[in-house]
Protein backbone atom coordinates (compact mmCIF):
# COMPACT_ATOMS: atom_id res chain seq x y z
CA MET A 1 57.40 -61.82 -116.14
CA LYS A 2 55.83 -65.07 -116.23
CA GLN A 3 52.60 -64.67 -115.05
CA LEU A 4 51.63 -61.56 -117.74
CA PHE A 5 52.75 -64.42 -119.96
CA PHE A 6 50.22 -67.02 -117.98
CA VAL A 7 47.83 -64.08 -118.30
CA ALA A 8 47.83 -62.88 -121.40
CA VAL A 9 47.04 -66.61 -122.73
CA GLY A 10 44.18 -66.88 -120.62
CA ILE A 11 42.85 -64.33 -122.08
CA VAL A 12 43.47 -65.45 -125.61
CA ILE A 13 42.15 -68.84 -124.63
CA GLY A 14 38.93 -67.25 -122.68
CA PHE A 15 38.39 -65.22 -126.24
CA ALA A 16 38.97 -67.88 -128.55
CA VAL A 17 36.48 -70.35 -126.55
CA ALA A 18 34.10 -67.21 -125.89
CA HIS A 19 34.22 -67.26 -129.76
CA GLN A 20 33.38 -70.59 -130.29
CA VAL A 21 30.63 -71.01 -127.85
CA ALA A 22 28.79 -67.93 -129.69
CA ASN A 23 28.50 -69.40 -132.56
CA THR A 24 26.22 -72.34 -131.17
CA ARG A 25 22.29 -70.98 -130.70
CA GLY A 26 22.67 -71.37 -127.25
CA GLY A 27 25.86 -69.77 -127.16
CA ALA A 28 23.98 -66.82 -129.22
CA ARG A 29 21.15 -66.62 -127.27
CA PHE A 30 23.38 -66.40 -123.68
CA PHE A 31 25.36 -63.74 -125.14
CA ALA A 32 22.51 -61.70 -126.92
CA ASP A 33 20.21 -61.45 -122.64
CA VAL A 34 24.25 -60.96 -121.23
CA ASN A 35 24.29 -57.84 -123.80
CA ALA A 36 21.03 -56.72 -122.85
CA ARG A 37 20.83 -57.07 -119.33
CA THR A 38 24.75 -55.17 -119.38
CA LYS A 39 23.02 -52.44 -121.79
CA ALA A 40 20.04 -52.04 -119.20
CA PHE A 41 22.14 -51.23 -116.63
CA ALA A 42 24.30 -49.14 -118.33
CA ASP A 43 21.53 -47.03 -118.84
CA ALA A 44 20.27 -46.72 -115.74
CA VAL A 45 23.68 -46.04 -114.64
CA ALA A 46 23.66 -43.11 -117.07
CA ASP A 47 19.70 -42.27 -116.06
CA GLY A 48 21.11 -41.78 -112.48
CA TYR A 49 23.81 -39.57 -113.44
CA LYS A 50 22.13 -37.44 -115.52
CA SER A 51 19.14 -36.92 -113.10
CA ARG A 52 21.44 -36.15 -110.30
CA ASP A 53 23.54 -34.03 -112.36
CA ALA A 54 20.40 -32.24 -113.35
CA GLU A 55 19.44 -31.85 -110.04
CA LEU A 56 22.41 -30.64 -108.86
CA ARG A 57 23.06 -27.68 -111.03
CA THR A 58 19.25 -26.72 -109.95
CA ASP A 59 20.67 -26.40 -106.76
CA ALA A 60 23.78 -24.23 -107.24
């Protein structure tokens, strides 16, 4: 139970630090870059899934 408490405290501290960093000019650029890369990756995965799904449906 003690470990769970420390994990929760660590998460809260992490969010607080990330919020403070995001308020800086460099932090905002960093998080914008991370968001763009994450969106590009998610879009690539979704496109691959849709492509494979269409391929499997035409073979069935």
